[in-house]
Amino acid sequence: MSSGVPSQTAQAQKSAEMSTSSSPADLAIESTVNTALGVSLSSQQKLLVGSVLDLFAGKPTLRKLKLWTDTATFADPLTKAEGRKQYEAQWYGLKAAFSEIEQLSQSVTSAGNPITMDLKTRYKVKGIGSEQVIESVVKIYTDEQGERITKVEDRWNGSIPEGAFAKVSLSQLCSPWWWWGSRLGMVAFWGWSLVWWSRPWEAFRNLNSVVVPAFVGVPKSIEEEEGKGK
């Protein structure tokens, strides 16, 4: 006798049907997907890449995030988000943190699994006005069917820090002449790099993925989110 509760298999099938039947127009995807010479994407791959580009552009919606599995992960030098609650908060947090996000260039370089693309983005911090251009290699991993996203890695300068000192030497830090001769921006860069590539920074990335969901508002449902603009 049926209990009226959908089985996990039925729920998975429903999610898969949702992703395969969706189109960029259905999800209000604004980004145009560019590909490198010789790279060809399926319609579903274009949908996934377009949705991810929108997320990086600060245009998250729950409909776009339905293309992610519940256990998917997102990793960049600032965070390691695991599971829907954490990665949704990261994407909505991006929208809240920056007043301007401009994608300067993007191109898919591989149509495999992961799908790989080069991305160059300009960010302007809200309330401060400082700007930063970040070039990264984005890797989009999908399930075996190629329908939904299981992991996204945003590798700044092609890499994600894993706890090794790689950007600054101790002799530089101990030299007063180096500190005196450096502009404030360079001092900040090296100081940031020291923390970034250390074990404390790895701990911060883990903490960030847990703390952000407590402060960033994520719509409870698609209906709630889409009703706000009406």
C-alpha atoms as a PDB file:
ATOM      1  CA  MET A   1       0.000   0.000   0.000  1.00  0.00           C
ATOM      2  CA  SER A   2       1.356   3.385  -0.943  1.00  0.00           C
ATOM      3  CA  SER A   3       2.108   5.807   1.898  1.00  0.00           C
ATOM      4  CA  GLY A   4       1.779   8.796  -0.398  1.00  0.00           C
ATOM      5  CA  VAL A   5       5.415   9.782   0.147  1.00  0.00           C
ATOM      6  CA  PRO A   6       7.510   9.780  -3.055  1.00  0.00           C
ATOM      7  CA  SER A   7      10.411   7.340  -2.997  1.00  0.00           C
ATOM      8  CA  GLN A   8      13.973   8.585  -3.390  1.00  0.00           C
ATOM      9  CA  THR A   9      14.017   7.041  -6.860  1.00  0.00           C
ATOM     10  CA  ALA A  10      10.860   8.923  -7.835  1.00  0.00           C
ATOM     11  CA  GLN A  11      12.249  12.174  -6.453  1.00  0.00           C
ATOM     12  CA  ALA A  12      15.498  11.709  -8.361  1.00  0.00           C
ATOM     13  CA  GLN A  13      13.566  10.959 -11.542  1.00  0.00           C
ATOM     14  CA  LYS A  14      11.465  14.087 -11.059  1.00  0.00           C
ATOM     15  CA  SER A  15      14.595  16.205 -10.606  1.00  0.00           C
ATOM     16  CA  ALA A  16      16.174  14.691 -13.698  1.00  0.00           C
ATOM     17  CA  GLU A  17      13.050  15.352 -15.741  1.00  0.00           C
ATOM     18  CA  MET A  18      13.066  18.954 -14.496  1.00  0.00           C
ATOM     19  CA  SER A  19      16.624  19.488 -15.681  1.00  0.00           C
ATOM     20  CA  THR A  20      16.203  17.841 -19.085  1.00  0.00           C
ATOM     21  CA  SER A  21      12.967  19.675 -19.835  1.00  0.00           C
ATOM     22  CA  SER A  22      14.344  23.087 -18.857  1.00  0.00           C
ATOM     23  CA  SER A  23      15.675  25.634 -21.309  1.00  0.00           C
ATOM     24  CA  PRO A  24      17.663  28.844 -20.777  1.00  0.00           C
ATOM     25  CA  ALA A  25      14.418  30.770 -21.226  1.00  0.00           C
ATOM     26  CA  ASP A  26      12.650  28.658 -18.585  1.00  0.00           C
ATOM     27  CA  LEU A  27      15.383  29.477 -16.071  1.00  0.00           C
ATOM     28  CA  ALA A  28      15.760  33.112 -17.176  1.00  0.00           C
ATOM     29  CA  ILE A  29      19.437  32.529 -17.940  1.00  0.00           C
ATOM     30  CA  GLU A  30      21.005  35.738 -19.208  1.00  0.00           C
ATOM     31  CA  SER A  31      24.566  34.641 -19.955  1.00  0.00           C
ATOM     32  CA  THR A  32      25.702  33.702 -23.448  1.00  0.00           C
ATOM     33  CA  VAL A  33      28.039  30.718 -23.487  1.00  0.00           C
ATOM     34  CA  ASN A  34      31.238  31.111 -25.516  1.00  0.00           C
ATOM     35  CA  THR A  35      33.351  28.134 -26.555  1.00  0.00           C
ATOM     36  CA  ALA A  36      36.937  27.792 -27.684  1.00  0.00           C
ATOM     37  CA  LEU A  37      37.680  26.672 -31.235  1.00  0.00           C
ATOM     38  CA  GLY A  38      36.808  23.001 -31.679  1.00  0.00           C
ATOM     39  CA  VAL A  39      34.743  22.720 -28.478  1.00  0.00           C
ATOM     40  CA  SER A  40      31.114  21.649 -28.885  1.00  0.00           C
ATOM     41  CA  LEU A  41      28.568  21.499 -26.055  1.00  0.00           C
ATOM     42  CA  SER A  42      25.307  19.577 -25.850  1.00  0.00           C
ATOM     43  CA  SER A  43      22.138  21.541 -25.122  1.00  0.00           C
ATOM     44  CA  GLN A  44      22.213  20.329 -21.508  1.00  0.00           C
ATOM     45  CA  GLN A  45      25.857  21.330 -21.100  1.00  0.00           C
ATOM     46  CA  LYS A  46      25.050  24.796 -22.445  1.00  0.00           C
ATOM     47  CA  LEU A  47      22.211  25.020 -19.932  1.00  0.00           C
ATOM     48  CA  LEU A  48      24.493  24.060 -17.041  1.00  0.00           C
ATOM     49  CA  VAL A  49      27.302  26.398 -18.102  1.00  0.00           C
ATOM     50  CA  GLY A  50      24.898  29.283 -18.693  1.00  0.00           C
ATOM     51  CA  SER A  51      23.375  28.833 -15.255  1.00  0.00           C
ATOM     52  CA  VAL A  52      26.811  28.758 -13.603  1.00  0.00           C
ATOM     53  CA  LEU A  53      27.861  31.914 -15.455  1.00  0.00           C
ATOM     54  CA  ASP A  54      24.731  33.618 -14.149  1.00  0.00           C
ATOM     55  CA  LEU A  55      25.653  32.542 -10.615  1.00  0.00           C
ATOM     56  CA  PHE A  56      29.144  34.007 -10.995  1.00  0.00           C
ATOM     57  CA  ALA A  57      27.529  37.185 -12.321  1.00  0.00           C
ATOM     58  CA  GLY A  58      25.571  37.604  -9.080  1.00  0.00           C
ATOM     59  CA  LYS A  59      22.256  36.441 -10.539  1.00  0.00           C
ATOM     60  CA  PRO A  60      21.269  33.433  -8.430  1.00  0.00           C
ATOM     61  CA  THR A  61      17.797  31.895  -8.435  1.00  0.00           C
ATOM     62  CA  LEU A  62      16.485  28.718  -6.893  1.00  0.00           C
ATOM     63  CA  ARG A  63      15.434  27.515 -10.335  1.00  0.00           C
ATOM     64  CA  LYS A  64      19.035  27.676 -11.536  1.00  0.00           C
ATOM     65  CA  LEU A  65      20.251  25.978  -8.374  1.00  0.00           C
ATOM     66  CA  LYS A  66      17.792  23.118  -8.942  1.00  0.00           C
ATOM     67  CA  LEU A  67      20.301  22.031 -11.576  1.00  0.00           C
ATOM     68  CA  TRP A  68      22.616  21.131  -8.673  1.00  0.00           C
ATOM     69  CA  THR A  69      22.303  17.914  -6.672  1.00  0.00           C
ATOM     70  CA  ASP A  70      21.521  18.285  -2.969  1.00  0.00           C
ATOM     71  CA  THR A  71      24.983  16.957  -2.071  1.00  0.00           C
ATOM     72  CA  ALA A  72      26.908  19.068  -4.588  1.00  0.00           C
ATOM     73  CA  THR A  73      29.936  21.095  -3.498  1.00  0.00           C
ATOM     74  CA  PHE A  74      31.452  24.460  -4.372  1.00  0.00           C
ATOM     75  CA  ALA A  75      35.081  25.344  -3.727  1.00  0.00           C
ATOM     76  CA  ASP A  76      37.175  28.450  -4.281  1.00  0.00           C
ATOM     77  CA  PRO A  77      40.042  30.068  -2.338  1.00  0.00           C
ATOM     78  CA  LEU A  78      37.529  31.586   0.105  1.00  0.00           C
ATOM     79  CA  THR A  79      35.238  28.679   0.891  1.00  0.00           C
ATOM     80  CA  LYS A  80      34.487  24.965   0.734  1.00  0.00           C
ATOM     81  CA  ALA A  81      30.690  24.677   0.654  1.00  0.00           C
ATOM     82  CA  GLU A  82      29.182  21.207   0.906  1.00  0.00           C
ATOM     83  CA  GLY A  83      25.490  20.536   0.426  1.00  0.00           C
ATOM     84  CA  ARG A  84      22.595  22.677  -0.734  1.00  0.00           C
ATOM     85  CA  LYS A  85      22.329  24.881   2.364  1.00  0.00           C
ATOM     86  CA  GLN A  86      25.968  25.928   2.170  1.00  0.00           C
ATOM     87  CA  TYR A  87      26.398  26.427  -1.572  1.00  0.00           C
ATOM     88  CA  GLU A  88      23.106  28.310  -1.997  1.00  0.00           C
ATOM     89  CA  ALA A  89      24.198  30.744   0.718  1.00  0.00           C
ATOM     90  CA  GLN A  90      27.536  31.296  -1.028  1.00  0.00           C
ATOM     91  CA  TRP A  91      25.871  32.254  -4.307  1.00  0.00           C
ATOM     92  CA  TYR A  92      23.328  34.572  -2.694  1.00  0.00           C
ATOM     93  CA  GLY A  93      26.137  35.995  -0.556  1.00  0.00           C
ATOM     94  CA  LEU A  94      28.083  36.922  -3.692  1.00  0.00           C
ATOM     95  CA  LYS A  95      25.126  38.983  -4.854  1.00  0.00           C
ATOM     96  CA  ALA A  96      24.970  40.722  -1.468  1.00  0.00           C
ATOM     97  CA  ALA A  97      28.703  41.467  -1.189  1.00  0.00           C
ATOM     98  CA  PHE A  98      29.357  43.227  -4.491  1.00  0.00           C
ATOM     99  CA  SER A  99      27.694  46.277  -6.005  1.00  0.00           C
ATOM    100  CA  GLU A 100      29.063  45.483  -9.456  1.00  0.00           C
ATOM    101  CA  ILE A 101      30.038  42.190 -11.074  1.00  0.00           C
ATOM    102  CA  GLU A 102      31.180  42.313 -14.686  1.00  0.00           C
ATOM    103  CA  GLN A 103      32.265  39.263 -16.642  1.00  0.00           C
ATOM    104  CA  LEU A 104      35.047  40.558 -18.879  1.00  0.00           C
ATOM    105  CA  SER A 105      35.543  37.303 -20.767  1.00  0.00           C
ATOM    106  CA  GLN A 106      34.569  33.651 -20.631  1.00  0.00           C
ATOM    107  CA  SER A 107      35.214  30.638 -22.832  1.00  0.00           C
ATOM    108  CA  VAL A 108      34.582  26.911 -22.440  1.00  0.00           C
ATOM    109  CA  THR A 109      37.819  25.071 -23.206  1.00  0.00           C
ATOM    110  CA  SER A 110      36.693  21.481 -22.583  1.00  0.00           C
ATOM    111  CA  ALA A 111      33.328  19.733 -22.951  1.00  0.00           C
ATOM    112  CA  GLY A 112      34.253  16.693 -20.883  1.00  0.00           C
ATOM    113  CA  ASN A 113      33.458  15.916 -17.272  1.00  0.00           C
ATOM    114  CA  PRO A 114      34.445  18.261 -15.801  1.00  0.00           C
ATOM    115  CA  ILE A 115      33.419  20.968 -18.220  1.00  0.00           C
ATOM    116  CA  THR A 116      36.248  23.508 -18.053  1.00  0.00           C
ATOM    117  CA  MET A 117      36.123  27.207 -18.826  1.00  0.00           C
ATOM    118  CA  ASP A 118      38.304  30.274 -18.446  1.00  0.00           C
ATOM    119  CA  LEU A 119      36.608  33.176 -16.685  1.00  0.00           C
ATOM    120  CA  LYS A 120      37.720  36.763 -16.087  1.00  0.00           C
ATOM    121  CA  THR A 121      35.545  38.861 -13.787  1.00  0.00           C
ATOM    122  CA  ARG A 122      35.646  42.361 -12.309  1.00  0.00           C
ATOM    123  CA  TYR A 123      34.209  42.774  -8.813  1.00  0.00           C
ATOM    124  CA  LYS A 124      33.375  46.008  -6.982  1.00  0.00           C
ATOM    125  CA  VAL A 125      32.925  45.652  -3.233  1.00  0.00           C
ATOM    126  CA  LYS A 126      29.660  47.088  -1.949  1.00  0.00           C
ATOM    127  CA  GLY A 127      30.069  50.028   0.434  1.00  0.00           C
ATOM    128  CA  ILE A 128      33.829  50.301  -0.124  1.00  0.00           C
ATOM    129  CA  GLY A 129      34.100  50.779  -3.850  1.00  0.00           C
ATOM    130  CA  SER A 130      37.381  48.908  -4.289  1.00  0.00           C
ATOM    131  CA  GLU A 131      37.649  46.794  -7.415  1.00  0.00           C
ATOM    132  CA  GLN A 132      39.405  43.532  -8.185  1.00  0.00           C
ATOM    133  CA  VAL A 133      39.754  41.567 -11.415  1.00  0.00           C
ATOM    134  CA  ILE A 134      40.008  37.816 -10.945  1.00  0.00           C
ATOM    135  CA  GLU A 135      41.027  35.355 -13.647  1.00  0.00           C
ATOM    136  CA  SER A 136      40.087  31.793 -12.913  1.00  0.00           C
ATOM    137  CA  VAL A 137      39.628  28.329 -14.330  1.00  0.00           C
ATOM    138  CA  VAL A 138      36.164  27.003 -13.519  1.00  0.00           C
ATOM    139  CA  LYS A 139      35.525  23.266 -13.491  1.00  0.00           C
ATOM    140  CA  ILE A 140      31.936  21.992 -13.585  1.00  0.00           C
ATOM    141  CA  TYR A 141      31.442  18.350 -12.632  1.00  0.00           C
ATOM    142  CA  THR A 142      28.184  16.555 -13.439  1.00  0.00           C
ATOM    143  CA  ASP A 143      26.480  13.301 -12.540  1.00  0.00           C
ATOM    144  CA  GLU A 144      26.893  10.223 -14.740  1.00  0.00           C
ATOM    145  CA  GLN A 145      23.949  11.260 -16.897  1.00  0.00           C
ATOM    146  CA  GLY A 146      25.416  14.717 -17.422  1.00  0.00           C
ATOM    147  CA  GLU A 147      22.149  16.252 -16.245  1.00  0.00           C
ATOM    148  CA  ARG A 148      22.957  17.887 -12.921  1.00  0.00           C
ATOM    149  CA  ILE A 149      25.922  19.558 -11.269  1.00  0.00           C
ATOM    150  CA  THR A 150      27.756  17.673  -8.530  1.00  0.00           C
ATOM    151  CA  LYS A 151      30.699  20.024  -7.989  1.00  0.00           C
ATOM    152  CA  VAL A 152      32.023  23.401  -9.126  1.00  0.00           C
ATOM    153  CA  GLU A 153      35.603  24.515  -8.532  1.00  0.00           C
ATOM    154  CA  ASP A 154      36.628  28.132  -9.050  1.00  0.00           C
ATOM    155  CA  ARG A 155      40.407  28.015  -9.363  1.00  0.00           C
ATOM    156  CA  TRP A 156      41.885  31.509  -9.137  1.00  0.00           C
ATOM    157  CA  ASN A 157      44.961  31.627 -11.356  1.00  0.00           C
ATOM    158  CA  GLY A 158      44.251  27.967 -12.066  1.00  0.00           C
ATOM    159  CA  SER A 159      44.588  26.677  -8.506  1.00  0.00           C
ATOM    160  CA  ILE A 160      42.930  26.357  -5.113  1.00  0.00           C
ATOM    161  CA  PRO A 161      45.188  26.720  -2.036  1.00  0.00           C
ATOM    162  CA  GLU A 162      45.661  23.578   0.019  1.00  0.00           C
ATOM    163  CA  GLY A 163      47.790  24.845   2.890  1.00  0.00           C
ATOM    164  CA  ALA A 164      51.329  25.392   1.560  1.00  0.00           C
ATOM    165  CA  PHE A 165      53.248  28.693   1.722  1.00  0.00           C
ATOM    166  CA  ALA A 166      53.646  29.590  -1.923  1.00  0.00           C
ATOM    167  CA  LYS A 167      53.374  33.337  -2.408  1.00  0.00           C
ATOM    168  CA  VAL A 168      55.813  35.104  -0.086  1.00  0.00           C
ATOM    169  CA  SER A 169      59.165  34.408   1.574  1.00  0.00           C
ATOM    170  CA  LEU A 170      59.959  35.028   5.238  1.00  0.00           C
ATOM    171  CA  SER A 171      63.041  37.051   4.251  1.00  0.00           C
ATOM    172  CA  GLN A 172      60.772  39.556   2.511  1.00  0.00           C
ATOM    173  CA  LEU A 173      58.507  39.822   5.526  1.00  0.00           C
ATOM    174  CA  CYS A 174      61.485  40.391   7.852  1.00  0.00           C
ATOM    175  CA  SER A 175      63.047  43.125   5.700  1.00  0.00           C
ATOM    176  CA  PRO A 176      62.060  46.692   6.737  1.00  0.00           C
ATOM    177  CA  TRP A 177      63.305  47.971   3.353  1.00  0.00           C
ATOM    178  CA  TRP A 178      60.874  45.702   1.553  1.00  0.00           C
ATOM    179  CA  TRP A 179      57.974  46.944   3.662  1.00  0.00           C
ATOM    180  CA  TRP A 180      59.093  50.571   3.258  1.00  0.00           C
ATOM    181  CA  GLY A 181      59.496  50.318  -0.517  1.00  0.00           C
ATOM    182  CA  SER A 182      56.210  48.553  -1.193  1.00  0.00           C
ATOM    183  CA  ARG A 183      52.998  50.338  -1.920  1.00  0.00           C
ATOM    184  CA  LEU A 184      50.095  49.713   0.405  1.00  0.00           C
ATOM    185  CA  GLY A 185      48.399  47.559  -2.196  1.00  0.00           C
ATOM    186  CA  MET A 186      51.396  45.270  -2.540  1.00  0.00           C
ATOM    187  CA  VAL A 187      51.799  44.988   1.214  1.00  0.00           C
ATOM    188  CA  ALA A 188      48.169  44.000   1.467  1.00  0.00           C
ATOM    189  CA  PHE A 189      48.645  41.480  -1.343  1.00  0.00           C
ATOM    190  CA  TRP A 190      51.559  39.728   0.315  1.00  0.00           C
ATOM    191  CA  GLY A 191      49.914  39.781   3.713  1.00  0.00           C
ATOM    192  CA  TRP A 192      46.782  38.304   2.186  1.00  0.00           C
ATOM    193  CA  SER A 193      48.840  35.644   0.410  1.00  0.00           C
ATOM    194  CA  LEU A 194      50.591  34.674   3.642  1.00  0.00           C
ATOM    195  CA  VAL A 195      47.289  33.971   5.333  1.00  0.00           C
ATOM    196  CA  TRP A 196      45.651  32.519   2.224  1.00  0.00           C
ATOM    197  CA  TRP A 197      48.270  29.836   1.650  1.00  0.00           C
ATOM    198  CA  SER A 198      48.537  28.767   5.294  1.00  0.00           C
ATOM    199  CA  ARG A 199      46.707  26.165   7.339  1.00  0.00           C
ATOM    200  CA  PRO A 200      44.748  28.829   9.269  1.00  0.00           C
ATOM    201  CA  TRP A 201      43.328  29.970   5.936  1.00  0.00           C
ATOM    202  CA  GLU A 202      42.219  26.429   5.147  1.00  0.00           C
ATOM    203  CA  ALA A 203      40.396  26.425   8.476  1.00  0.00           C
ATOM    204  CA  PHE A 204      38.830  29.779   7.575  1.00  0.00           C
ATOM    205  CA  ARG A 205      37.524  28.345   4.306  1.00  0.00           C
ATOM    206  CA  ASN A 206      35.804  25.573   6.225  1.00  0.00           C
ATOM    207  CA  LEU A 207      34.424  28.032   8.777  1.00  0.00           C
ATOM    208  CA  ASN A 208      33.226  30.395   6.053  1.00  0.00           C
ATOM    209  CA  SER A 209      31.061  27.697   4.496  1.00  0.00           C
ATOM    210  CA  VAL A 210      29.319  27.185   7.848  1.00  0.00           C
ATOM    211  CA  VAL A 211      28.999  30.820   8.973  1.00  0.00           C
ATOM    212  CA  VAL A 212      27.763  32.388   5.717  1.00  0.00           C
ATOM    213  CA  PRO A 213      24.428  30.480   5.670  1.00  0.00           C
ATOM    214  CA  ALA A 214      23.603  31.996   9.075  1.00  0.00           C
ATOM    215  CA  PHE A 215      23.847  35.555   7.745  1.00  0.00           C
ATOM    216  CA  VAL A 216      22.790  35.338   4.099  1.00  0.00           C
ATOM    217  CA  GLY A 217      19.114  35.192   3.277  1.00  0.00           C
ATOM    218  CA  VAL A 218      18.097  32.499   0.802  1.00  0.00           C
ATOM    219  CA  PRO A 219      14.478  32.290  -0.402  1.00  0.00           C
ATOM    220  CA  LYS A 220      12.634  29.359   1.136  1.00  0.00           C
ATOM    221  CA  SER A 221      10.925  28.431  -2.106  1.00  0.00           C
ATOM    222  CA  ILE A 222      10.733  29.285  -5.790  1.00  0.00           C
ATOM    223  CA  GLU A 223       7.253  30.673  -5.205  1.00  0.00           C
ATOM    224  CA  GLU A 224       8.508  33.004  -2.478  1.00  0.00           C
ATOM    225  CA  GLU A 225      11.437  34.176  -4.588  1.00  0.00           C
ATOM    226  CA  GLU A 226       9.431  34.855  -7.727  1.00  0.00           C
ATOM    227  CA  GLY A 227       6.626  36.460  -5.765  1.00  0.00           C
ATOM    228  CA  LYS A 228       8.948  39.154  -4.414  1.00  0.00           C
ATOM    229  CA  GLY A 229       9.140  40.883  -7.756  1.00  0.00           C
ATOM    230  CA  LYS A 230       5.392  40.987  -8.280  1.00  0.00           C
END
